[in-house]
């Protein structure tokens, strides 16, 4: 069942490659990390985000689809207007 959920998350992210996204990740010790960038690529187990250069020291980060499933990472895809289009959260 979890494998189907991971595949469903991957498939739902694939059409958004190249679009701006917002990431909210659990940083441990009650710390939340918020990042923004472009969904660069999806792979079978992970997805790559190219971060906005002026805001972050790193160029790219990767997360697994399991991070979304376990609610360690929340991914929000944005419109060109900056409005939220879709939020991937497993309930």
Protein backbone atom coordinates (compact mmCIF):
# COMPACT_ATOMS: atom_id res chain seq x y z
CA UNK A 1 0.00 0.00 0.00
CA UNK A 2 2.80 2.45 0.85
CA UNK A 3 4.48 1.72 -2.49
CA UNK A 4 1.28 2.73 -4.30
CA UNK A 5 1.14 5.95 -2.26
CA UNK A 6 4.75 6.78 -3.16
CA UNK A 7 4.06 6.14 -6.85
CA UNK A 8 0.96 8.34 -6.65
CA UNK A 9 2.97 11.19 -5.10
CA UNK A 10 5.63 10.87 -7.81
CA UNK A 11 3.03 10.89 -10.59
CA UNK A 12 1.31 13.93 -9.11
CA UNK A 13 4.61 15.85 -9.03
CA UNK A 14 5.80 14.99 -12.56
CA UNK A 15 3.54 17.52 -14.38
CA UNK A 16 4.98 20.32 -12.22
CA UNK A 17 8.63 19.91 -13.29
CA UNK A 18 9.96 23.38 -14.12
CA UNK A 19 7.48 25.18 -11.89
CA UNK A 20 8.17 27.23 -8.76
CA UNK A 21 7.57 25.39 -5.50
CA UNK A 22 7.75 26.12 -1.79
CA UNK A 23 9.19 23.52 0.60
CA UNK A 24 8.54 23.30 4.31
CA UNK A 25 10.74 20.65 5.92
CA UNK A 26 11.14 19.37 9.44
CA UNK A 27 14.58 20.49 10.59
CA UNK A 28 14.53 18.64 13.91
CA UNK A 29 14.25 20.05 17.42
CA UNK A 30 11.00 21.84 16.60
CA UNK A 31 12.68 23.72 13.76
CA UNK A 32 11.01 24.18 10.39
CA UNK A 33 13.04 24.96 7.27
CA UNK A 34 11.31 26.89 4.49
CA UNK A 35 12.86 26.98 1.02
CA UNK A 36 11.73 28.05 -2.42
CA UNK A 37 12.95 27.03 -5.84
CA UNK A 38 12.07 25.21 -9.04
CA UNK A 39 11.15 21.54 -9.24
CA UNK A 40 14.02 20.47 -11.47
CA UNK A 41 13.57 16.73 -11.92
CA UNK A 42 11.77 13.66 -10.60
CA UNK A 43 13.48 10.30 -10.26
CA UNK A 44 12.06 6.93 -9.15
CA UNK A 45 12.82 7.54 -5.45
CA UNK A 46 13.64 11.26 -5.10
CA UNK A 47 12.91 14.68 -6.55
CA UNK A 48 15.39 17.51 -7.06
CA UNK A 49 14.70 21.19 -6.34
CA UNK A 50 16.94 23.95 -7.69
CA UNK A 51 16.87 26.60 -4.96
CA UNK A 52 16.61 30.35 -5.48
CA UNK A 53 20.25 31.53 -5.51
CA UNK A 54 19.81 34.76 -3.55
CA UNK A 55 18.13 33.04 -0.60
CA UNK A 56 20.15 29.85 -0.08
CA UNK A 57 23.76 28.71 0.14
CA UNK A 58 23.02 25.42 -1.64
CA UNK A 59 22.20 25.16 -5.34
CA UNK A 60 20.05 22.02 -5.17
CA UNK A 61 18.37 19.82 -2.60
CA UNK A 62 16.74 16.43 -2.93
CA UNK A 63 13.97 14.81 -0.96
CA UNK A 64 12.35 11.40 -1.20
CA UNK A 65 8.67 10.81 -1.81
CA UNK A 66 8.66 9.02 1.55
CA UNK A 67 9.45 12.40 3.17
CA UNK A 68 6.16 13.71 1.80
CA UNK A 69 4.30 10.55 2.82
CA UNK A 70 5.59 10.78 6.41
CA UNK A 71 4.85 14.53 6.49
CA UNK A 72 8.52 15.44 7.01
CA UNK A 73 8.28 17.66 3.93
CA UNK A 74 5.36 19.72 2.61
CA UNK A 75 5.54 20.76 -1.05
CA UNK A 76 3.43 23.60 -2.41
CA UNK A 77 3.34 24.34 -6.15
CA UNK A 78 2.80 28.02 -6.99
CA UNK A 79 1.14 29.78 -9.94
CA UNK A 80 2.93 32.47 -11.93
CA UNK A 81 0.94 34.98 -9.84
CA UNK A 82 2.53 33.57 -6.68
CA UNK A 83 -0.75 32.00 -5.56
CA UNK A 84 -0.77 28.47 -4.18
CA UNK A 85 -2.00 25.87 -6.64
CA UNK A 86 -1.55 22.48 -4.96
CA UNK A 87 -0.23 21.33 -1.59
CA UNK A 88 0.93 17.76 -1.21
CA UNK A 89 0.06 16.58 2.27
CA UNK A 90 -0.83 13.00 3.15
CA UNK A 91 -3.55 12.83 5.80
